[in-house]
Amino acid sequence: MSPPKTRDPGLQPERTRLAWRRTTLASTVAAVLAVKTALHGGVSAVGIVACALCCVLWLTFLLLAHHRIRALAAPATPVVLAPRHATAAILCTVAMAACGAALVL
């Protein structure tokens, strides 16, 4: 009879943690550029709303990413990403892209 197989995570949690950090950095750059673009021509009500929306989306994504990075850094086997967290991260990313596209056009 063969012994039960134990999970050998190798470097997979480390790579995933680094991917979350890279995505957070890219989101930070996108938020800063969106704020700069929104306020470039002067302060307007639309620009303030766009800045506030970008900041809220960025902070939400940052919170989700931080939660996942901490879960991956735990010494035990990391828990699976909850579908609601994955959905929230995807929605933040898509909404940030839509805000960026709206500011450029």
PDB file of N, CA and C in Angstrom:
ATOM      1  N   MET A   1       0.843  -1.160   0.000  1.00  0.00           N
ATOM      2  CA  MET A   1       0.000   0.000   0.000  1.00  0.00           C
ATOM      3  C   MET A   1       0.899   1.237   0.000  1.00  0.00           C
ATOM      4  N   SER A   2       0.565   2.225  -0.801  1.00  0.00           N
ATOM      5  CA  SER A   2       1.392   3.429  -0.885  1.00  0.00           C
ATOM      6  C   SER A   2       1.018   4.399   0.235  1.00  0.00           C
ATOM      7  N   PRO A   3       2.024   5.149   0.724  1.00  0.00           N
ATOM      8  CA  PRO A   3       1.733   6.122   1.788  1.00  0.00           C
ATOM      9  C   PRO A   3       0.890   7.274   1.239  1.00  0.00           C
ATOM     10  N   PRO A   4       0.103   7.919   2.101  1.00  0.00           N
ATOM     11  CA  PRO A   4      -0.704   9.051   1.618  1.00  0.00           C
ATOM     12  C   PRO A   4       0.201  10.180   1.128  1.00  0.00           C
ATOM     13  N   LYS A   5      -0.191  10.774   0.051  1.00  0.00           N
ATOM     14  CA  LYS A   5       0.596  11.858  -0.536  1.00  0.00           C
ATOM     15  C   LYS A   5       0.338  13.157   0.224  1.00  0.00           C
ATOM     16  N   THR A   6       1.421  13.820   0.569  1.00  0.00           N
ATOM     17  CA  THR A   6       1.297  15.128   1.198  1.00  0.00           C
ATOM     18  C   THR A   6       1.549  16.188   0.150  1.00  0.00           C
ATOM     19  N   ARG A   7       0.950  17.290   0.346  1.00  0.00           N
ATOM     20  CA  ARG A   7       1.078  18.389  -0.617  1.00  0.00           C
ATOM     21  C   ARG A   7       2.449  19.028  -0.494  1.00  0.00           C
ATOM     22  N   ASP A   8       3.141  19.147  -1.603  1.00  0.00           N
ATOM     23  CA  ASP A   8       4.415  19.850  -1.648  1.00  0.00           C
ATOM     24  C   ASP A   8       4.183  21.153  -2.398  1.00  0.00           C
ATOM     25  N   PRO A   9       3.982  22.246  -1.674  1.00  0.00           N
ATOM     26  CA  PRO A   9       3.630  23.488  -2.353  1.00  0.00           C
ATOM     27  C   PRO A   9       4.775  24.074  -3.167  1.00  0.00           C
ATOM     28  N   GLY A  10       6.007  23.705  -2.860  1.00  0.00           N
ATOM     29  CA  GLY A  10       7.123  24.273  -3.595  1.00  0.00           C
ATOM     30  C   GLY A  10       7.118  25.782  -3.499  1.00  0.00           C
ATOM     31  N   LEU A  11       7.315  26.425  -4.606  1.00  0.00           N
ATOM     32  CA  LEU A  11       7.348  27.882  -4.625  1.00  0.00           C
ATOM     33  C   LEU A  11       6.032  28.506  -5.107  1.00  0.00           C
ATOM     34  N   GLN A  12       5.019  27.684  -5.290  1.00  0.00           N
ATOM     35  CA  GLN A  12       3.755  28.197  -5.818  1.00  0.00           C
ATOM     36  C   GLN A  12       3.146  29.288  -4.950  1.00  0.00           C
ATOM     37  N   PRO A  13       3.070  29.136  -3.613  1.00  0.00           N
ATOM     38  CA  PRO A  13       2.513  30.242  -2.820  1.00  0.00           C
ATOM     39  C   PRO A  13       3.351  31.520  -2.933  1.00  0.00           C
ATOM     40  N   GLU A  14       4.665  31.365  -3.019  1.00  0.00           N
ATOM     41  CA  GLU A  14       5.546  32.538  -3.167  1.00  0.00           C
ATOM     42  C   GLU A  14       5.290  33.243  -4.500  1.00  0.00           C
ATOM     43  N   ARG A  15       5.167  32.476  -5.573  1.00  0.00           N
ATOM     44  CA  ARG A  15       4.884  33.078  -6.882  1.00  0.00           C
ATOM     45  C   ARG A  15       3.528  33.773  -6.889  1.00  0.00           C
ATOM     46  N   THR A  16       2.545  33.157  -6.252  1.00  0.00           N
ATOM     47  CA  THR A  16       1.219  33.768  -6.198  1.00  0.00           C
ATOM     48  C   THR A  16       1.250  35.050  -5.379  1.00  0.00           C
ATOM     49  N   ARG A  17       1.973  35.031  -4.276  1.00  0.00           N
ATOM     50  CA  ARG A  17       2.104  36.236  -3.442  1.00  0.00           C
ATOM     51  C   ARG A  17       2.775  37.361  -4.229  1.00  0.00           C
ATOM     52  N   LEU A  18       3.823  37.023  -4.980  1.00  0.00           N
ATOM     53  CA  LEU A  18       4.500  38.032  -5.801  1.00  0.00           C
ATOM     54  C   LEU A  18       3.580  38.555  -6.907  1.00  0.00           C
ATOM     55  N   ALA A  19       2.750  37.688  -7.469  1.00  0.00           N
ATOM     56  CA  ALA A  19       1.803  38.131  -8.506  1.00  0.00           C
ATOM     57  C   ALA A  19       0.793  39.115  -7.930  1.00  0.00           C
ATOM     58  N   TRP A  20       0.312  38.854  -6.717  1.00  0.00           N
ATOM     59  CA  TRP A  20      -0.612  39.791  -6.071  1.00  0.00           C
ATOM     60  C   TRP A  20       0.083  41.126  -5.822  1.00  0.00           C
ATOM     61  N   ARG A  21       1.343  41.092  -5.418  1.00  0.00           N
ATOM     62  CA  ARG A  21       2.084  42.345  -5.181  1.00  0.00           C
ATOM     63  C   ARG A  21       2.278  43.124  -6.475  1.00  0.00           C
ATOM     64  N   ARG A  22       2.610  42.425  -7.565  1.00  0.00           N
ATOM     65  CA  ARG A  22       2.777  43.106  -8.862  1.00  0.00           C
ATOM     66  C   ARG A  22       1.462  43.728  -9.319  1.00  0.00           C
ATOM     67  N   THR A  23       0.381  42.998  -9.141  1.00  0.00           N
ATOM     68  CA  THR A  23      -0.922  43.521  -9.546  1.00  0.00           C
ATOM     69  C   THR A  23      -1.304  44.732  -8.709  1.00  0.00           C
ATOM     70  N   THR A  24      -0.984  44.698  -7.418  1.00  0.00           N
ATOM     71  CA  THR A  24      -1.254  45.844  -6.556  1.00  0.00           C
ATOM     72  C   THR A  24      -0.434  47.049  -6.988  1.00  0.00           C
ATOM     73  N   LEU A  25       0.826  46.824  -7.345  1.00  0.00           N
ATOM     74  CA  LEU A  25       1.666  47.923  -7.821  1.00  0.00           C
ATOM     75  C   LEU A  25       1.120  48.508  -9.124  1.00  0.00           C
ATOM     76  N   ALA A  26       0.706  47.641 -10.038  1.00  0.00           N
ATOM     77  CA  ALA A  26       0.127  48.121 -11.295  1.00  0.00           C
ATOM     78  C   ALA A  26      -1.164  48.895 -11.047  1.00  0.00           C
ATOM     79  N   SER A  27      -1.962  48.445 -10.104  1.00  0.00           N
ATOM     80  CA  SER A  27      -3.199  49.151  -9.756  1.00  0.00           C
ATOM     81  C   SER A  27      -2.893  50.509  -9.150  1.00  0.00           C
ATOM     82  N   THR A  28      -1.848  50.583  -8.351  1.00  0.00           N
ATOM     83  CA  THR A  28      -1.445  51.862  -7.755  1.00  0.00           C
ATOM     84  C   THR A  28      -1.022  52.852  -8.829  1.00  0.00           C
ATOM     85  N   VAL A  29      -0.227  52.379  -9.778  1.00  0.00           N
ATOM     86  CA  VAL A  29       0.211  53.253 -10.876  1.00  0.00           C
ATOM     87  C   VAL A  29      -0.990  53.720 -11.696  1.00  0.00           C
ATOM     88  N   ALA A  30      -1.913  52.808 -11.978  1.00  0.00           N
ATOM     89  CA  ALA A  30      -3.110  53.178 -12.750  1.00  0.00           C
ATOM     90  C   ALA A  30      -3.946  54.213 -12.002  1.00  0.00           C
ATOM     91  N   ALA A  31      -4.091  54.058 -10.689  1.00  0.00           N
ATOM     92  CA  ALA A  31      -4.877  55.016  -9.907  1.00  0.00           C
ATOM     93  C   ALA A  31      -4.205  56.387  -9.889  1.00  0.00           C
ATOM     94  N   VAL A  32      -2.895  56.417  -9.724  1.00  0.00           N
ATOM     95  CA  VAL A  32      -2.175  57.695  -9.709  1.00  0.00           C
ATOM     96  C   VAL A  32      -2.287  58.388 -11.060  1.00  0.00           C
ATOM     97  N   LEU A  33      -2.123  57.635 -12.140  1.00  0.00           N
ATOM     98  CA  LEU A  33      -2.238  58.228 -13.478  1.00  0.00           C
ATOM     99  C   LEU A  33      -3.670  58.700 -13.753  1.00  0.00           C
ATOM    100  N   ALA A  34      -4.657  57.966 -13.256  1.00  0.00           N
ATOM    101  CA  ALA A  34      -6.050  58.389 -13.449  1.00  0.00           C
ATOM    102  C   ALA A  34      -6.329  59.690 -12.700  1.00  0.00           C
ATOM    103  N   VAL A  35      -5.818  59.802 -11.489  1.00  0.00           N
ATOM    104  CA  VAL A  35      -5.999  61.040 -10.721  1.00  0.00           C
ATOM    105  C   VAL A  35      -5.288  62.193 -11.409  1.00  0.00           C
ATOM    106  N   LYS A  36      -4.084  61.956 -11.888  1.00  0.00           N
ATOM    107  CA  LYS A  36      -3.328  63.004 -12.592  1.00  0.00           C
ATOM    108  C   LYS A  36      -4.075  63.449 -13.847  1.00  0.00           C
ATOM    109  N   THR A  37      -4.595  62.495 -14.599  1.00  0.00           N
ATOM    110  CA  THR A  37      -5.330  62.822 -15.821  1.00  0.00           C
ATOM    111  C   THR A  37      -6.619  63.582 -15.501  1.00  0.00           C
ATOM    112  N   ALA A  38      -7.308  63.162 -14.449  1.00  0.00           N
ATOM    113  CA  ALA A  38      -8.581  63.809 -14.095  1.00  0.00           C
ATOM    114  C   ALA A  38      -8.385  65.254 -13.662  1.00  0.00           C
ATOM    115  N   LEU A  39      -7.260  65.536 -13.004  1.00  0.00           N
ATOM    116  CA  LEU A  39      -7.039  66.887 -12.489  1.00  0.00           C
ATOM    117  C   LEU A  39      -6.116  67.722 -13.363  1.00  0.00           C
ATOM    118  N   HIS A  40      -5.701  67.201 -14.503  1.00  0.00           N
ATOM    119  CA  HIS A  40      -4.734  67.890 -15.365  1.00  0.00           C
ATOM    120  C   HIS A  40      -5.254  69.223 -15.901  1.00  0.00           C
ATOM    121  N   GLY A  41      -6.462  69.250 -16.389  1.00  0.00           N
ATOM    122  CA  GLY A  41      -6.998  70.468 -16.997  1.00  0.00           C
ATOM    123  C   GLY A  41      -7.609  71.431 -15.995  1.00  0.00           C
ATOM    124  N   GLY A  42      -7.481  71.160 -14.733  1.00  0.00           N
ATOM    125  CA  GLY A  42      -8.114  71.975 -13.701  1.00  0.00           C
ATOM    126  C   GLY A  42      -9.101  71.136 -12.920  1.00  0.00           C
ATOM    127  N   VAL A  43      -9.490  71.655 -11.786  1.00  0.00           N
ATOM    128  CA  VAL A  43     -10.408  70.916 -10.920  1.00  0.00           C
ATOM    129  C   VAL A  43     -11.841  71.131 -11.403  1.00  0.00           C
ATOM    130  N   SER A  44     -12.549  70.017 -11.589  1.00  0.00           N
ATOM    131  CA  SER A  44     -13.960  70.079 -11.975  1.00  0.00           C
ATOM    132  C   SER A  44     -14.714  69.040 -11.159  1.00  0.00           C
ATOM    133  N   ALA A  45     -16.024  69.148 -11.180  1.00  0.00           N
ATOM    134  CA  ALA A  45     -16.850  68.200 -10.418  1.00  0.00           C
ATOM    135  C   ALA A  45     -16.679  66.780 -10.954  1.00  0.00           C
ATOM    136  N   VAL A  46     -16.628  66.640 -12.273  1.00  0.00           N
ATOM    137  CA  VAL A  46     -16.446  65.322 -12.881  1.00  0.00           C
ATOM    138  C   VAL A  46     -15.076  64.758 -12.511  1.00  0.00           C
ATOM    139  N   GLY A  47     -14.059  65.606 -12.518  1.00  0.00           N
ATOM    140  CA  GLY A  47     -12.717  65.164 -12.149  1.00  0.00           C
ATOM    141  C   GLY A  47     -12.636  64.705 -10.710  1.00  0.00           C
ATOM    142  N   ILE A  48     -13.289  65.422  -9.815  1.00  0.00           N
ATOM    143  CA  ILE A  48     -13.300  65.048  -8.392  1.00  0.00           C
ATOM    144  C   ILE A  48     -14.011  63.713  -8.204  1.00  0.00           C
ATOM    145  N   VAL A  49     -15.141  63.527  -8.885  1.00  0.00           N
ATOM    146  CA  VAL A  49     -15.875  62.261  -8.779  1.00  0.00           C
ATOM    147  C   VAL A  49     -15.033  61.108  -9.332  1.00  0.00           C
ATOM    148  N   ALA A  50     -14.374  61.342 -10.465  1.00  0.00           N
ATOM    149  CA  ALA A  50     -13.519  60.302 -11.051  1.00  0.00           C
ATOM    150  C   ALA A  50     -12.362  59.961 -10.115  1.00  0.00           C
ATOM    151  N   CYS A  51     -11.757  60.972  -9.511  1.00  0.00           N
ATOM    152  CA  CYS A  51     -10.661  60.740  -8.551  1.00  0.00           C
ATOM    153  C   CYS A  51     -11.147  59.942  -7.351  1.00  0.00           C
ATOM    154  N   ALA A  52     -12.297  60.317  -6.819  1.00  0.00           N
ATOM    155  CA  ALA A  52     -12.844  59.614  -5.658  1.00  0.00           C
ATOM    156  C   ALA A  52     -13.159  58.162  -6.004  1.00  0.00           C
ATOM    157  N   LEU A  53     -13.736  57.932  -7.173  1.00  0.00           N
ATOM    158  CA  LEU A  53     -14.061  56.577  -7.590  1.00  0.00           C
ATOM    159  C   LEU A  53     -12.798  55.742  -7.763  1.00  0.00           C
ATOM    160  N   CYS A  54     -11.790  56.308  -8.416  1.00  0.00           N
ATOM    161  CA  CYS A  54     -10.518  55.591  -8.599  1.00  0.00           C
ATOM    162  C   CYS A  54      -9.879  55.269  -7.256  1.00  0.00           C
ATOM    163  N   CYS A  55      -9.926  56.196  -6.324  1.00  0.00           N
ATOM    164  CA  CYS A  55      -9.337  55.970  -4.995  1.00  0.00           C
ATOM    165  C   CYS A  55     -10.081  54.878  -4.231  1.00  0.00           C
ATOM    166  N   VAL A  56     -11.405  54.881  -4.303  1.00  0.00           N
ATOM    167  CA  VAL A  56     -12.188  53.849  -3.623  1.00  0.00           C
ATOM    168  C   VAL A  56     -11.908  52.478  -4.239  1.00  0.00           C
ATOM    169  N   LEU A  57     -11.864  52.416  -5.556  1.00  0.00           N
ATOM    170  CA  LEU A  57     -11.558  51.146  -6.225  1.00  0.00           C
ATOM    171  C   LEU A  57     -10.161  50.659  -5.854  1.00  0.00           C
ATOM    172  N   TRP A  58      -9.201  51.572  -5.842  1.00  0.00           N
ATOM    173  CA  TRP A  58      -7.825  51.206  -5.494  1.00  0.00           C
ATOM    174  C   TRP A  58      -7.738  50.703  -4.056  1.00  0.00           C
ATOM    175  N   LEU A  59      -8.377  51.402  -3.124  1.00  0.00           N
ATOM    176  CA  LEU A  59      -8.335  50.979  -1.729  1.00  0.00           C
ATOM    177  C   LEU A  59      -9.018  49.622  -1.529  1.00  0.00           C
ATOM    178  N   THR A  60     -10.113  49.395  -2.233  1.00  0.00           N
ATOM    179  CA  THR A  60     -10.796  48.110  -2.137  1.00  0.00           C
ATOM    180  C   THR A  60      -9.913  46.992  -2.659  1.00  0.00           C
ATOM    181  N   PHE A  61      -9.280  47.219  -3.814  1.00  0.00           N
ATOM    182  CA  PHE A  61      -8.389  46.204  -4.364  1.00  0.00           C
ATOM    183  C   PHE A  61      -7.194  45.977  -3.444  1.00  0.00           C
ATOM    184  N   LEU A  62      -6.661  47.057  -2.888  1.00  0.00           N
ATOM    185  CA  LEU A  62      -5.527  46.941  -1.970  1.00  0.00           C
ATOM    186  C   LEU A  62      -5.904  46.102  -0.752  1.00  0.00           C
ATOM    187  N   LEU A  63      -7.082  46.301  -0.210  1.00  0.00           N
ATOM    188  CA  LEU A  63      -7.549  45.527   0.930  1.00  0.00           C
ATOM    189  C   LEU A  63      -7.681  44.047   0.574  1.00  0.00           C
ATOM    190  N   LEU A  64      -8.280  43.768  -0.577  1.00  0.00           N
ATOM    191  CA  LEU A  64      -8.428  42.377  -1.014  1.00  0.00           C
ATOM    192  C   LEU A  64      -7.075  41.712  -1.238  1.00  0.00           C
ATOM    193  N   ALA A  65      -6.163  42.421  -1.891  1.00  0.00           N
ATOM    194  CA  ALA A  65      -4.838  41.861  -2.162  1.00  0.00           C
ATOM    195  C   ALA A  65      -4.070  41.624  -0.867  1.00  0.00           C
ATOM    196  N   HIS A  66      -4.160  42.562   0.061  1.00  0.00           N
ATOM    197  CA  HIS A  66      -3.465  42.412   1.335  1.00  0.00           C
ATOM    198  C   HIS A  66      -3.996  41.195   2.097  1.00  0.00           C
ATOM    199  N   HIS A  67      -5.299  41.019   2.066  1.00  0.00           N
ATOM    200  CA  HIS A  67      -5.918  39.863   2.718  1.00  0.00           C
ATOM    201  C   HIS A  67      -5.382  38.566   2.104  1.00  0.00           C
ATOM    202  N   ARG A  68      -5.290  38.519   0.775  1.00  0.00           N
ATOM    203  CA  ARG A  68      -4.822  37.295   0.099  1.00  0.00           C
ATOM    204  C   ARG A  68      -3.328  37.064   0.346  1.00  0.00           C
ATOM    205  N   ILE A  69      -2.535  38.125   0.329  1.00  0.00           N
ATOM    206  CA  ILE A  69      -1.093  37.988   0.562  1.00  0.00           C
ATOM    207  C   ILE A  69      -0.849  37.445   1.965  1.00  0.00           C
ATOM    208  N   ARG A  70      -1.585  37.947   2.939  1.00  0.00           N
ATOM    209  CA  ARG A  70      -1.431  37.450   4.314  1.00  0.00           C
ATOM    210  C   ARG A  70      -1.851  35.993   4.424  1.00  0.00           C
ATOM    211  N   ALA A  71      -2.901  35.604   3.717  1.00  0.00           N
ATOM    212  CA  ALA A  71      -3.347  34.210   3.743  1.00  0.00           C
ATOM    213  C   ALA A  71      -2.293  33.295   3.122  1.00  0.00           C
ATOM    214  N   LEU A  72      -1.634  33.757   2.069  1.00  0.00           N
ATOM    215  CA  LEU A  72      -0.609  32.947   1.415  1.00  0.00           C
ATOM    216  C   LEU A  72       0.672  32.866   2.235  1.00  0.00           C
ATOM    217  N   ALA A  73       0.903  33.842   3.095  1.00  0.00           N
ATOM    218  CA  ALA A  73       2.118  33.853   3.907  1.00  0.00           C
ATOM    219  C   ALA A  73       1.993  32.988   5.150  1.00  0.00           C
ATOM    220  N   ALA A  74       0.811  32.507   5.447  1.00  0.00           N
ATOM    221  CA  ALA A  74       0.610  31.672   6.636  1.00  0.00           C
ATOM    222  C   ALA A  74       1.399  30.375   6.483  1.00  0.00           C
ATOM    223  N   PRO A  75       1.928  29.856   7.589  1.00  0.00           N
ATOM    224  CA  PRO A  75       2.740  28.644   7.493  1.00  0.00           C
ATOM    225  C   PRO A  75       1.935  27.404   7.107  1.00  0.00           C
ATOM    226  N   ALA A  76       0.657  27.394   7.398  1.00  0.00           N
ATOM    227  CA  ALA A  76      -0.184  26.253   7.036  1.00  0.00           C
ATOM    228  C   ALA A  76      -0.557  26.332   5.559  1.00  0.00           C
ATOM    229  N   THR A  77      -1.225  25.319   5.091  1.00  0.00           N
ATOM    230  CA  THR A  77      -1.686  25.322   3.710  1.00  0.00           C
ATOM    231  C   THR A  77      -2.650  26.482   3.513  1.00  0.00           C
ATOM    232  N   PRO A  78      -2.406  27.340   2.510  1.00  0.00           N
ATOM    233  CA  PRO A  78      -3.287  28.499   2.320  1.00  0.00           C
ATOM    234  C   PRO A  78      -4.702  28.068   1.949  1.00  0.00           C
ATOM    235  N   VAL A  79      -5.648  28.840   2.435  1.00  0.00           N
ATOM    236  CA  VAL A  79      -7.046  28.553   2.106  1.00  0.00           C
ATOM    237  C   VAL A  79      -7.324  29.005   0.674  1.00  0.00           C
ATOM    238  N   VAL A  80      -8.299  28.386   0.090  1.00  0.00           N
ATOM    239  CA  VAL A  80      -8.690  28.731  -1.275  1.00  0.00           C
ATOM    240  C   VAL A  80      -9.307  30.123  -1.276  1.00  0.00           C
ATOM    241  N   LEU A  81      -9.025  30.895  -2.316  1.00  0.00           N
ATOM    242  CA  LEU A  81      -9.596  32.234  -2.445  1.00  0.00           C
ATOM    243  C   LEU A  81     -11.112  32.126  -2.565  1.00  0.00           C
ATOM    244  N   ALA A  82     -11.795  32.833  -1.702  1.00  0.00           N
ATOM    245  CA  ALA A  82     -13.261  32.790  -1.705  1.00  0.00           C
ATOM    246  C   ALA A  82     -13.793  33.394  -2.999  1.00  0.00           C
ATOM    247  N   PRO A  83     -14.843  32.815  -3.560  1.00  0.00           N
ATOM    248  CA  PRO A  83     -15.396  33.345  -4.808  1.00  0.00           C
ATOM    249  C   PRO A  83     -15.816  34.812  -4.703  1.00  0.00           C
ATOM    250  N   ARG A  84     -16.315  35.230  -3.555  1.00  0.00           N
ATOM    251  CA  ARG A  84     -16.723  36.644  -3.432  1.00  0.00           C
ATOM    252  C   ARG A  84     -15.513  37.559  -3.444  1.00  0.00           C
ATOM    253  N   HIS A  85     -14.378  37.116  -2.896  1.00  0.00           N
ATOM    254  CA  HIS A  85     -13.163  37.930  -2.952  1.00  0.00           C
ATOM    255  C   HIS A  85     -12.614  37.991  -4.369  1.00  0.00           C
ATOM    256  N   ALA A  86     -12.643  36.851  -5.054  1.00  0.00           N
ATOM    257  CA  ALA A  86     -12.180  36.829  -6.443  1.00  0.00           C
ATOM    258  C   ALA A  86     -13.061  37.720  -7.315  1.00  0.00           C
ATOM    259  N   THR A  87     -14.361  37.649  -7.108  1.00  0.00           N
ATOM    260  CA  THR A  87     -15.291  38.481  -7.876  1.00  0.00           C
ATOM    261  C   THR A  87     -15.063  39.962  -7.585  1.00  0.00           C
ATOM    262  N   ALA A  88     -14.853  40.296  -6.322  1.00  0.00           N
ATOM    263  CA  ALA A  88     -14.609  41.696  -5.962  1.00  0.00           C
ATOM    264  C   ALA A  88     -13.308  42.203  -6.583  1.00  0.00           C
ATOM    265  N   ALA A  89     -12.266  41.385  -6.590  1.00  0.00           N
ATOM    266  CA  ALA A  89     -10.998  41.797  -7.201  1.00  0.00           C
ATOM    267  C   ALA A  89     -11.164  42.007  -8.702  1.00  0.00           C
ATOM    268  N   ILE A  90     -11.894  41.126  -9.342  1.00  0.00           N
ATOM    269  CA  ILE A  90     -12.133  41.262 -10.784  1.00  0.00           C
ATOM    270  C   ILE A  90     -12.949  42.517 -11.074  1.00  0.00           C
ATOM    271  N   LEU A  91     -13.993  42.751 -10.288  1.00  0.00           N
ATOM    272  CA  LEU A  91     -14.830  43.938 -10.512  1.00  0.00           C
ATOM    273  C   LEU A  91     -14.039  45.231 -10.278  1.00  0.00           C
ATOM    274  N   CYS A  92     -13.178  45.251  -9.268  1.00  0.00           N
ATOM    275  CA  CYS A  92     -12.342  46.440  -9.031  1.00  0.00           C
ATOM    276  C   CYS A  92     -11.412  46.691 -10.208  1.00  0.00           C
ATOM    277  N   THR A  93     -10.816  45.624 -10.723  1.00  0.00           N
ATOM    278  CA  THR A  93      -9.895  45.757 -11.846  1.00  0.00           C
ATOM    279  C   THR A  93     -10.611  46.255 -13.098  1.00  0.00           C
ATOM    280  N   VAL A  94     -11.755  45.674 -13.394  1.00  0.00           N
ATOM    281  CA  VAL A  94     -12.510  46.079 -14.586  1.00  0.00           C
ATOM    282  C   VAL A  94     -13.031  47.508 -14.431  1.00  0.00           C
ATOM    283  N   ALA A  95     -13.513  47.859 -13.244  1.00  0.00           N
ATOM    284  CA  ALA A  95     -14.017  49.218 -13.019  1.00  0.00           C
ATOM    285  C   ALA A  95     -12.888  50.242 -13.109  1.00  0.00           C
ATOM    286  N   MET A  96     -11.709  49.893 -12.592  1.00  0.00           N
ATOM    287  CA  MET A  96     -10.572  50.805 -12.696  1.00  0.00           C
ATOM    288  C   MET A  96     -10.174  50.995 -14.168  1.00  0.00           C
ATOM    289  N   ALA A  97     -10.206  49.928 -14.931  1.00  0.00           N
ATOM    290  CA  ALA A  97      -9.909  50.030 -16.375  1.00  0.00           C
ATOM    291  C   ALA A  97     -10.956  50.890 -17.078  1.00  0.00           C
ATOM    292  N   ALA A  98     -12.214  50.730 -16.716  1.00  0.00           N
ATOM    293  CA  ALA A  98     -13.274  51.542 -17.329  1.00  0.00           C
ATOM    294  C   ALA A  98     -13.099  53.018 -16.968  1.00  0.00           C
ATOM    295  N   CYS A  99     -12.734  53.298 -15.709  1.00  0.00           N
ATOM    296  CA  CYS A  99     -12.498  54.699 -15.305  1.00  0.00           C
ATOM    297  C   CYS A  99     -11.327  55.279 -16.094  1.00  0.00           C
ATOM    298  N   GLY A 100     -10.280  54.495 -16.241  1.00  0.00           N
ATOM    299  CA  GLY A 100      -9.121  54.963 -17.009  1.00  0.00           C
ATOM    300  C   GLY A 100      -9.477  55.239 -18.458  1.00  0.00           C
ATOM    301  N   ALA A 101     -10.255  54.349 -19.043  1.00  0.00           N
ATOM    302  CA  ALA A 101     -10.670  54.549 -20.431  1.00  0.00           C
ATOM    303  C   ALA A 101     -11.558  55.778 -20.566  1.00  0.00           C
ATOM    304  N   ALA A 102     -12.441  55.991 -19.618  1.00  0.00           N
ATOM    305  CA  ALA A 102     -13.325  57.152 -19.659  1.00  0.00           C
ATOM    306  C   ALA A 102     -12.526  58.451 -19.506  1.00  0.00           C
ATOM    307  N   LEU A 103     -11.484  58.431 -18.699  1.00  0.00           N
ATOM    308  CA  LEU A 103     -10.672  59.638 -18.525  1.00  0.00           C
ATOM    309  C   LEU A 103      -9.825  59.950 -19.751  1.00  0.00           C
ATOM    310  N   VAL A 104      -9.403  58.914 -20.455  1.00  0.00           N
ATOM    311  CA  VAL A 104      -8.584  59.132 -21.649  1.00  0.00           C
ATOM    312  C   VAL A 104      -9.439  59.638 -22.807  1.00  0.00           C
ATOM    313  N   LEU A 105     -10.650  59.140 -22.911  1.00  0.00           N
ATOM    314  CA  LEU A 105     -11.530  59.547 -24.020  1.00  0.00           C
ATOM    315  C   LEU A 105     -12.184  60.816 -23.723  1.00  0.00           C
TER     316      LEU A 105
END
